[in-house]
N, C-alpha and C. Protein backbone atom coordinates (compact mmCIF):
# COMPACT_ATOMS: atom_id res chain seq x y z
N UNK A 1 -5.51 -2.63 11.67
CA UNK A 1 -6.16 -1.78 10.71
C UNK A 1 -7.41 -2.49 10.20
N UNK A 2 -8.50 -1.75 10.07
CA UNK A 2 -9.74 -2.28 9.54
C UNK A 2 -9.77 -2.10 8.03
N UNK A 3 -10.53 -2.95 7.35
CA UNK A 3 -10.67 -2.84 5.90
C UNK A 3 -12.12 -2.98 5.51
N UNK A 4 -12.46 -2.35 4.40
CA UNK A 4 -13.77 -2.49 3.78
C UNK A 4 -13.59 -3.15 2.44
N UNK A 5 -14.62 -3.88 1.98
CA UNK A 5 -14.62 -4.38 0.62
C UNK A 5 -15.57 -3.51 -0.18
N UNK A 6 -15.08 -2.96 -1.28
CA UNK A 6 -15.87 -2.08 -2.14
C UNK A 6 -16.12 -2.82 -3.44
N UNK A 7 -17.39 -2.89 -3.84
CA UNK A 7 -17.71 -3.56 -5.10
C UNK A 7 -17.23 -2.69 -6.26
N UNK A 8 -16.50 -3.30 -7.18
CA UNK A 8 -15.98 -2.58 -8.34
C UNK A 8 -16.72 -2.94 -9.62
N UNK A 9 -17.74 -3.77 -9.51
CA UNK A 9 -18.55 -4.14 -10.67
C UNK A 9 -18.38 -5.60 -11.02
N UNK A 10 -19.41 -6.18 -11.63
CA UNK A 10 -19.40 -7.56 -12.11
C UNK A 10 -18.95 -8.55 -11.04
N UNK A 11 -19.36 -8.30 -9.78
CA UNK A 11 -19.03 -9.23 -8.72
C UNK A 11 -17.60 -9.13 -8.21
N UNK A 12 -16.83 -8.14 -8.66
CA UNK A 12 -15.46 -7.95 -8.20
C UNK A 12 -15.45 -7.01 -7.01
N UNK A 13 -14.47 -7.22 -6.14
CA UNK A 13 -14.34 -6.38 -4.96
C UNK A 13 -12.90 -5.90 -4.81
N UNK A 14 -12.75 -4.72 -4.20
CA UNK A 14 -11.43 -4.15 -3.94
C UNK A 14 -11.38 -3.84 -2.45
N UNK A 15 -10.26 -4.16 -1.81
CA UNK A 15 -10.09 -3.87 -0.39
C UNK A 15 -9.70 -2.42 -0.20
N UNK A 16 -10.35 -1.74 0.76
CA UNK A 16 -9.97 -0.38 1.11
C UNK A 16 -9.69 -0.34 2.59
N UNK A 17 -8.51 0.14 2.97
CA UNK A 17 -8.14 0.22 4.37
C UNK A 17 -8.79 1.45 5.01
N UNK A 18 -9.09 1.31 6.29
CA UNK A 18 -9.72 2.40 7.03
C UNK A 18 -8.73 2.91 8.06
N UNK A 19 -8.56 4.23 8.08
CA UNK A 19 -7.66 4.87 9.04
C UNK A 19 -8.46 5.89 9.81
N UNK A 20 -8.48 5.80 11.11
CA UNK A 20 -9.17 6.79 11.91
C UNK A 20 -10.59 7.04 11.46
N UNK A 21 -11.28 6.01 10.98
CA UNK A 21 -12.65 6.17 10.56
C UNK A 21 -12.82 6.59 9.11
N UNK A 22 -11.75 6.92 8.42
CA UNK A 22 -11.83 7.34 7.02
C UNK A 22 -11.18 6.29 6.13
N UNK A 23 -11.67 6.17 4.92
CA UNK A 23 -11.08 5.23 3.97
C UNK A 23 -9.77 5.80 3.47
N UNK A 24 -8.71 5.00 3.54
CA UNK A 24 -7.39 5.43 3.07
C UNK A 24 -7.42 5.56 1.56
N UNK A 25 -6.56 6.41 1.03
CA UNK A 25 -6.54 6.65 -0.41
C UNK A 25 -5.33 6.07 -1.09
N UNK A 26 -5.35 6.20 -2.40
CA UNK A 26 -4.26 5.74 -3.25
C UNK A 26 -3.52 6.98 -3.74
N UNK A 27 -2.20 7.02 -3.50
CA UNK A 27 -1.38 8.18 -3.82
C UNK A 27 -0.33 7.79 -4.86
N UNK A 28 -0.19 8.60 -5.89
CA UNK A 28 0.87 8.43 -6.88
C UNK A 28 1.97 9.42 -6.56
N UNK A 29 3.20 8.91 -6.36
CA UNK A 29 4.37 9.74 -6.10
C UNK A 29 5.30 9.60 -7.29
N UNK A 30 5.66 10.74 -7.90
CA UNK A 30 6.53 10.68 -9.06
C UNK A 30 7.58 11.79 -9.01
N UNK A 31 8.73 11.49 -9.56
CA UNK A 31 9.84 12.43 -9.60
C UNK A 31 11.14 11.67 -9.73
N UNK A 32 12.17 12.38 -10.09
CA UNK A 32 13.46 11.72 -10.35
C UNK A 32 14.30 11.46 -9.11
N UNK A 33 14.04 12.16 -8.03
CA UNK A 33 14.85 12.03 -6.82
C UNK A 33 14.41 10.81 -6.02
N UNK A 34 15.22 9.76 -6.05
CA UNK A 34 14.89 8.51 -5.37
C UNK A 34 14.75 8.71 -3.87
N UNK A 35 15.51 9.62 -3.27
CA UNK A 35 15.41 9.85 -1.83
C UNK A 35 14.04 10.42 -1.45
N UNK A 36 13.56 11.38 -2.21
CA UNK A 36 12.24 11.97 -1.92
C UNK A 36 11.15 10.93 -2.15
N UNK A 37 11.24 10.19 -3.25
CA UNK A 37 10.24 9.15 -3.51
C UNK A 37 10.19 8.13 -2.36
N UNK A 38 11.36 7.72 -1.89
CA UNK A 38 11.44 6.72 -0.83
C UNK A 38 10.88 7.25 0.48
N UNK A 39 11.23 8.47 0.84
CA UNK A 39 10.72 9.08 2.09
C UNK A 39 9.21 9.18 2.04
N UNK A 40 8.69 9.69 0.91
CA UNK A 40 7.24 9.86 0.80
C UNK A 40 6.52 8.52 0.81
N UNK A 41 7.06 7.55 0.10
CA UNK A 41 6.45 6.22 0.08
C UNK A 41 6.37 5.65 1.50
N UNK A 42 7.47 5.74 2.23
CA UNK A 42 7.52 5.21 3.60
C UNK A 42 6.51 5.90 4.50
N UNK A 43 6.54 7.25 4.50
CA UNK A 43 5.64 8.01 5.40
C UNK A 43 4.17 7.78 5.06
N UNK A 44 3.84 7.78 3.77
CA UNK A 44 2.44 7.60 3.37
C UNK A 44 1.96 6.19 3.66
N UNK A 45 2.81 5.20 3.43
CA UNK A 45 2.42 3.82 3.76
C UNK A 45 2.25 3.63 5.26
N UNK A 46 3.07 4.32 6.07
CA UNK A 46 2.91 4.28 7.52
C UNK A 46 1.52 4.75 7.93
N UNK A 47 0.99 5.69 7.18
CA UNK A 47 -0.33 6.24 7.48
C UNK A 47 -1.46 5.42 6.86
N UNK A 48 -1.10 4.33 6.16
CA UNK A 48 -2.10 3.42 5.62
C UNK A 48 -2.51 3.67 4.18
N UNK A 49 -1.85 4.63 3.52
CA UNK A 49 -2.17 4.89 2.12
C UNK A 49 -1.52 3.84 1.22
N UNK A 50 -2.18 3.55 0.12
CA UNK A 50 -1.58 2.75 -0.93
C UNK A 50 -0.76 3.71 -1.77
N UNK A 51 0.52 3.39 -2.00
CA UNK A 51 1.41 4.31 -2.71
C UNK A 51 1.91 3.66 -3.99
N UNK A 52 1.71 4.39 -5.10
CA UNK A 52 2.26 4.01 -6.40
C UNK A 52 3.46 4.92 -6.62
N UNK A 53 4.59 4.36 -7.02
CA UNK A 53 5.81 5.15 -7.20
C UNK A 53 6.27 5.05 -8.65
N UNK A 54 6.57 6.22 -9.25
CA UNK A 54 7.07 6.28 -10.63
C UNK A 54 8.27 7.20 -10.67
N UNK A 55 9.28 6.81 -11.44
CA UNK A 55 10.43 7.69 -11.59
C UNK A 55 10.41 8.44 -12.92
N UNK A 56 9.53 8.05 -13.83
CA UNK A 56 9.45 8.73 -15.12
C UNK A 56 8.03 9.25 -15.35
N UNK A 57 7.93 10.27 -16.16
CA UNK A 57 6.61 10.83 -16.49
C UNK A 57 5.75 9.82 -17.24
N UNK A 58 6.37 9.05 -18.13
CA UNK A 58 5.61 8.05 -18.90
C UNK A 58 4.98 7.02 -17.96
N UNK A 59 5.75 6.53 -17.01
CA UNK A 59 5.24 5.56 -16.05
C UNK A 59 4.17 6.20 -15.16
N UNK A 60 4.39 7.45 -14.77
CA UNK A 60 3.42 8.16 -13.92
C UNK A 60 2.10 8.36 -14.65
N UNK A 61 2.16 8.71 -15.94
CA UNK A 61 0.93 8.88 -16.72
C UNK A 61 0.16 7.56 -16.81
N UNK A 62 0.88 6.48 -17.03
CA UNK A 62 0.23 5.17 -17.09
C UNK A 62 -0.47 4.86 -15.77
N UNK A 63 0.23 5.12 -14.65
CA UNK A 63 -0.39 4.90 -13.34
C UNK A 63 -1.61 5.80 -13.14
N UNK A 64 -1.47 7.07 -13.54
CA UNK A 64 -2.57 8.02 -13.35
C UNK A 64 -3.80 7.59 -14.13
N UNK A 65 -3.60 7.04 -15.31
CA UNK A 65 -4.72 6.67 -16.17
C UNK A 65 -5.29 5.29 -15.86
N UNK A 66 -4.46 4.37 -15.40
CA UNK A 66 -4.96 3.01 -15.14
C UNK A 66 -5.29 2.76 -13.68
N UNK A 67 -4.54 3.34 -12.77
CA UNK A 67 -4.74 3.10 -11.34
C UNK A 67 -5.69 4.10 -10.69
N UNK A 68 -5.91 5.23 -11.34
CA UNK A 68 -6.79 6.29 -10.86
C UNK A 68 -6.55 6.64 -9.39
N UNK A 69 -5.39 7.23 -9.10
CA UNK A 69 -5.08 7.60 -7.71
C UNK A 69 -6.00 8.71 -7.20
N UNK A 70 -6.07 8.82 -5.89
CA UNK A 70 -6.85 9.87 -5.25
C UNK A 70 -6.10 11.18 -5.19
N UNK A 71 -4.77 11.12 -5.32
CA UNK A 71 -3.93 12.31 -5.25
C UNK A 71 -2.59 11.98 -5.91
N UNK A 72 -1.98 13.00 -6.52
CA UNK A 72 -0.67 12.84 -7.16
C UNK A 72 0.31 13.82 -6.50
N UNK A 73 1.50 13.31 -6.17
CA UNK A 73 2.57 14.17 -5.68
C UNK A 73 3.68 14.14 -6.72
N UNK A 74 3.98 15.31 -7.29
CA UNK A 74 5.02 15.44 -8.31
C UNK A 74 6.18 16.21 -7.74
N UNK A 75 7.36 15.59 -7.74
CA UNK A 75 8.59 16.27 -7.35
C UNK A 75 9.15 16.92 -8.61
N UNK A 76 8.99 18.23 -8.72
CA UNK A 76 9.41 18.97 -9.89
C UNK A 76 10.79 19.56 -9.61
N UNK A 77 11.82 18.84 -10.04
CA UNK A 77 13.20 19.25 -9.73
C UNK A 77 13.66 20.43 -10.56
N UNK A 78 13.30 20.46 -11.81
CA UNK A 78 13.71 21.54 -12.70
C UNK A 78 12.52 21.97 -13.54
N UNK A 79 12.39 23.27 -13.82
CA UNK A 79 11.19 23.73 -14.50
C UNK A 79 11.07 23.28 -15.95
N UNK A 80 12.15 22.86 -16.59
CA UNK A 80 12.06 22.50 -18.00
C UNK A 80 12.07 20.99 -18.23
N UNK A 81 12.06 20.21 -17.18
CA UNK A 81 12.03 18.77 -17.37
C UNK A 81 10.62 18.32 -17.70
N UNK A 82 10.45 17.05 -17.92
CA UNK A 82 9.17 16.54 -18.38
C UNK A 82 8.06 16.57 -17.34
N UNK A 83 8.33 17.04 -16.15
CA UNK A 83 7.30 17.16 -15.12
C UNK A 83 6.19 18.12 -15.53
N UNK A 84 6.56 19.21 -16.19
CA UNK A 84 5.55 20.16 -16.66
C UNK A 84 4.69 19.55 -17.76
N UNK A 85 5.32 18.75 -18.61
CA UNK A 85 4.55 18.05 -19.65
C UNK A 85 3.62 17.03 -19.00
N UNK A 86 4.09 16.38 -17.94
CA UNK A 86 3.25 15.44 -17.20
C UNK A 86 2.00 16.15 -16.69
N UNK A 87 2.17 17.34 -16.10
CA UNK A 87 1.02 18.09 -15.60
C UNK A 87 0.02 18.39 -16.71
N UNK A 88 0.53 18.76 -17.86
CA UNK A 88 -0.34 19.05 -19.00
C UNK A 88 -1.10 17.79 -19.44
N UNK A 89 -0.37 16.68 -19.59
CA UNK A 89 -0.97 15.44 -20.07
C UNK A 89 -1.97 14.84 -19.09
N UNK A 90 -1.66 14.91 -17.81
CA UNK A 90 -2.52 14.28 -16.81
C UNK A 90 -3.90 14.94 -16.80
N UNK A 91 -3.97 16.21 -17.18
CA UNK A 91 -5.25 16.93 -17.20
C UNK A 91 -6.05 16.71 -18.49
N UNK A 92 -5.46 16.05 -19.48
CA UNK A 92 -6.14 15.88 -20.76
C UNK A 92 -7.11 14.70 -20.79
N UNK A 93 -6.97 13.78 -19.87
CA UNK A 93 -7.81 12.58 -19.89
C UNK A 93 -8.81 12.61 -18.73
N UNK A 94 -10.02 12.15 -18.97
CA UNK A 94 -11.03 12.19 -17.91
C UNK A 94 -10.65 11.37 -16.68
N UNK A 95 -9.86 10.32 -16.86
CA UNK A 95 -9.47 9.47 -15.73
C UNK A 95 -8.64 10.22 -14.69
N UNK A 96 -7.95 11.28 -15.11
CA UNK A 96 -7.06 11.98 -14.19
C UNK A 96 -7.27 13.49 -14.16
N UNK A 97 -8.24 13.99 -14.90
CA UNK A 97 -8.42 15.44 -15.04
C UNK A 97 -8.70 16.14 -13.71
N UNK A 98 -9.38 15.48 -12.80
CA UNK A 98 -9.78 16.12 -11.55
C UNK A 98 -9.00 15.65 -10.32
N UNK A 99 -7.95 14.89 -10.54
CA UNK A 99 -7.17 14.38 -9.41
C UNK A 99 -6.36 15.53 -8.79
N UNK A 100 -6.45 15.72 -7.47
CA UNK A 100 -5.63 16.77 -6.83
C UNK A 100 -4.14 16.46 -7.02
N UNK A 101 -3.35 17.52 -7.23
CA UNK A 101 -1.91 17.37 -7.44
C UNK A 101 -1.16 18.30 -6.52
N UNK A 102 -0.15 17.73 -5.84
CA UNK A 102 0.81 18.52 -5.07
C UNK A 102 2.10 18.57 -5.87
N UNK A 103 2.66 19.75 -6.04
CA UNK A 103 3.95 19.91 -6.70
C UNK A 103 4.96 20.31 -5.64
N UNK A 104 6.02 19.50 -5.52
CA UNK A 104 7.13 19.81 -4.63
C UNK A 104 8.22 20.43 -5.49
N UNK A 105 8.71 21.60 -5.10
CA UNK A 105 9.69 22.27 -5.94
C UNK A 105 10.53 23.25 -5.14
N UNK A 106 11.73 23.51 -5.63
CA UNK A 106 12.55 24.58 -5.06
C UNK A 106 12.19 25.91 -5.72
N UNK A 107 11.40 25.85 -6.78
CA UNK A 107 10.97 27.04 -7.49
C UNK A 107 9.61 27.49 -6.96
N UNK A 108 9.43 28.78 -6.87
CA UNK A 108 8.12 29.33 -6.49
C UNK A 108 7.21 29.31 -7.72
N UNK A 109 5.93 29.27 -7.45
CA UNK A 109 4.94 29.27 -8.52
C UNK A 109 5.19 30.42 -9.49
N UNK A 110 5.52 31.61 -8.96
CA UNK A 110 5.74 32.78 -9.81
C UNK A 110 6.90 32.57 -10.79
N UNK A 111 7.91 31.83 -10.36
CA UNK A 111 9.07 31.57 -11.22
C UNK A 111 8.71 30.65 -12.38
N UNK A 112 7.64 29.92 -12.25
CA UNK A 112 7.24 28.97 -13.28
C UNK A 112 5.99 29.42 -14.03
N UNK A 113 5.48 30.59 -13.73
CA UNK A 113 4.22 31.05 -14.31
C UNK A 113 4.22 31.05 -15.83
N UNK A 114 5.35 31.23 -16.49
CA UNK A 114 5.40 31.23 -17.93
C UNK A 114 5.00 29.89 -18.54
N UNK A 115 4.82 28.89 -17.71
CA UNK A 115 4.47 27.57 -18.21
C UNK A 115 2.97 27.35 -18.32
N UNK A 116 2.20 28.39 -18.13
CA UNK A 116 0.77 28.36 -18.44
C UNK A 116 -0.08 27.49 -17.56
N UNK A 117 -1.08 26.88 -18.19
CA UNK A 117 -2.13 26.16 -17.49
C UNK A 117 -1.64 24.97 -16.68
N UNK A 118 -0.48 24.45 -16.98
CA UNK A 118 0.00 23.27 -16.25
C UNK A 118 0.01 23.52 -14.74
N UNK A 119 0.18 24.76 -14.34
CA UNK A 119 0.32 25.06 -12.91
C UNK A 119 -0.98 25.49 -12.26
N UNK A 120 -2.05 25.53 -13.02
CA UNK A 120 -3.34 25.86 -12.43
C UNK A 120 -3.87 24.65 -11.69
N UNK A 121 -4.59 24.90 -10.65
CA UNK A 121 -5.24 23.84 -9.88
C UNK A 121 -4.28 22.81 -9.31
N UNK A 122 -3.09 23.25 -8.93
CA UNK A 122 -2.17 22.38 -8.21
C UNK A 122 -1.74 23.11 -6.94
N UNK A 123 -1.40 22.34 -5.92
CA UNK A 123 -0.89 22.91 -4.68
C UNK A 123 0.63 22.90 -4.76
N UNK A 124 1.24 24.00 -4.47
CA UNK A 124 2.69 24.11 -4.48
C UNK A 124 3.21 23.99 -3.06
N UNK A 125 4.19 23.13 -2.85
CA UNK A 125 4.86 23.00 -1.57
C UNK A 125 6.35 23.19 -1.84
N UNK A 126 6.92 24.20 -1.21
CA UNK A 126 8.33 24.51 -1.45
C UNK A 126 9.24 23.58 -0.67
N UNK A 127 10.35 23.17 -1.31
CA UNK A 127 11.40 22.41 -0.64
C UNK A 127 12.29 23.41 0.09
N UNK A 128 12.86 23.04 1.19
CA UNK A 128 12.64 21.77 1.88
C UNK A 128 11.25 21.76 2.52
N UNK A 129 10.69 20.59 2.65
CA UNK A 129 9.36 20.43 3.21
C UNK A 129 9.43 19.43 4.35
N UNK A 130 8.45 19.47 5.21
CA UNK A 130 8.35 18.52 6.30
C UNK A 130 7.46 17.36 5.84
N UNK A 131 8.00 16.13 5.81
CA UNK A 131 7.16 14.99 5.44
C UNK A 131 5.91 14.88 6.31
N UNK A 132 6.03 15.22 7.59
CA UNK A 132 4.87 15.16 8.49
C UNK A 132 3.79 16.15 8.05
N UNK A 133 4.20 17.38 7.69
CA UNK A 133 3.22 18.37 7.23
C UNK A 133 2.62 17.96 5.89
N UNK A 134 3.44 17.38 5.01
CA UNK A 134 2.93 16.93 3.72
C UNK A 134 1.88 15.84 3.90
N UNK A 135 2.13 14.89 4.79
CA UNK A 135 1.16 13.83 5.05
C UNK A 135 -0.13 14.43 5.60
N UNK A 136 -0.03 15.43 6.46
CA UNK A 136 -1.23 16.09 6.99
C UNK A 136 -2.01 16.77 5.87
N UNK A 137 -1.31 17.41 4.94
CA UNK A 137 -1.98 18.06 3.80
C UNK A 137 -2.63 17.02 2.89
N UNK A 138 -1.95 15.90 2.68
CA UNK A 138 -2.51 14.81 1.88
C UNK A 138 -3.81 14.33 2.52
N UNK A 139 -3.76 14.07 3.80
CA UNK A 139 -4.95 13.58 4.50
C UNK A 139 -6.08 14.60 4.42
N UNK A 140 -5.76 15.86 4.65
CA UNK A 140 -6.78 16.92 4.61
C UNK A 140 -7.40 17.01 3.21
N UNK A 141 -6.58 16.91 2.18
CA UNK A 141 -7.07 17.00 0.81
C UNK A 141 -7.95 15.82 0.44
N UNK A 142 -7.52 14.63 0.81
CA UNK A 142 -8.30 13.43 0.46
C UNK A 142 -9.63 13.41 1.21
N UNK A 143 -9.63 13.89 2.45
CA UNK A 143 -10.87 13.84 3.22
C UNK A 143 -11.79 15.03 2.97
N UNK A 144 -11.23 16.16 2.50
CA UNK A 144 -12.11 17.33 2.35
C UNK A 144 -12.09 17.95 0.96
N UNK A 145 -11.21 17.50 0.08
CA UNK A 145 -11.21 18.02 -1.29
C UNK A 145 -10.21 19.13 -1.51
N UNK A 146 -10.18 19.62 -2.73
CA UNK A 146 -9.21 20.62 -3.15
C UNK A 146 -9.31 21.95 -2.43
N UNK A 147 -10.47 22.29 -1.91
CA UNK A 147 -10.67 23.61 -1.34
C UNK A 147 -9.73 23.95 -0.20
N UNK A 148 -9.21 22.96 0.50
CA UNK A 148 -8.36 23.22 1.65
C UNK A 148 -6.88 23.01 1.37
N UNK A 149 -6.51 22.85 0.10
CA UNK A 149 -5.11 22.60 -0.21
C UNK A 149 -4.26 23.81 0.12
N UNK A 150 -3.08 23.57 0.62
CA UNK A 150 -2.16 24.63 0.99
C UNK A 150 -1.48 25.19 -0.25
N UNK A 151 -1.46 26.49 -0.34
CA UNK A 151 -0.76 27.20 -1.40
C UNK A 151 0.07 28.28 -0.70
N UNK A 152 1.40 28.27 -0.87
CA UNK A 152 2.23 29.25 -0.16
C UNK A 152 1.84 30.70 -0.44
N UNK A 153 1.09 30.96 -1.49
CA UNK A 153 0.67 32.32 -1.79
C UNK A 153 -0.54 32.76 -0.99
N UNK A 154 -1.19 31.80 -0.29
CA UNK A 154 -2.37 32.11 0.52
C UNK A 154 -2.08 31.77 1.97
N UNK A 155 -2.80 32.39 2.88
CA UNK A 155 -2.65 31.99 4.29
C UNK A 155 -3.14 30.57 4.49
N UNK A 156 -2.51 29.86 5.40
CA UNK A 156 -2.93 28.49 5.70
C UNK A 156 -4.27 28.50 6.40
N UNK A 157 -5.12 27.51 6.11
CA UNK A 157 -6.38 27.41 6.83
C UNK A 157 -6.13 27.10 8.30
N UNK A 158 -7.01 27.57 9.16
CA UNK A 158 -6.84 27.35 10.61
C UNK A 158 -7.23 25.94 10.99
C-alpha cells in the first residue's frame, strides 16, 4: 500500500493511505451490536480505511468532533435509543455537520419519519445488508460525495 504525507499545520504531518489511486478515508462505526461493529471494522480495514469504533453515542460524538471522520456508519437498532439523539447532535457542530452518514436499520425510513430532521441527509441501508455492498457504497460516497448515496426509496445509480 502506498501512503502520502499531508501537512496538518505548524510542520505536522499525517499519513494518508492510498487505495487504487484514491486517498483512503477515516470511517466512524457506531452502534450497540458488537458483531456488526466487528464485521464492518474488519471489512473496511481490509479496504485500507482507518476505522474508529464506538459502542456508545457519547463516545461516537467525541470521535465525530475530535477525529473528524470522512463518513459515519450508525447501526440504529431501535428507533427510540440514543442513536437518533446522536444524529441530532452530530449535525449541531461545524466539525461534523456535513459528514455523510449511513444508517443501518431494520426499520424503514418511513417508520422513523416522526423523528424529524435527524433522518434528513442520511443514507438508509436496510438490514440484513451485504458488507461487500456497504463497502462499495462507502467508497463511492467518499470518492464522489453525498449525491450518489444509496437510498432504498430511490433507484440505485447505474
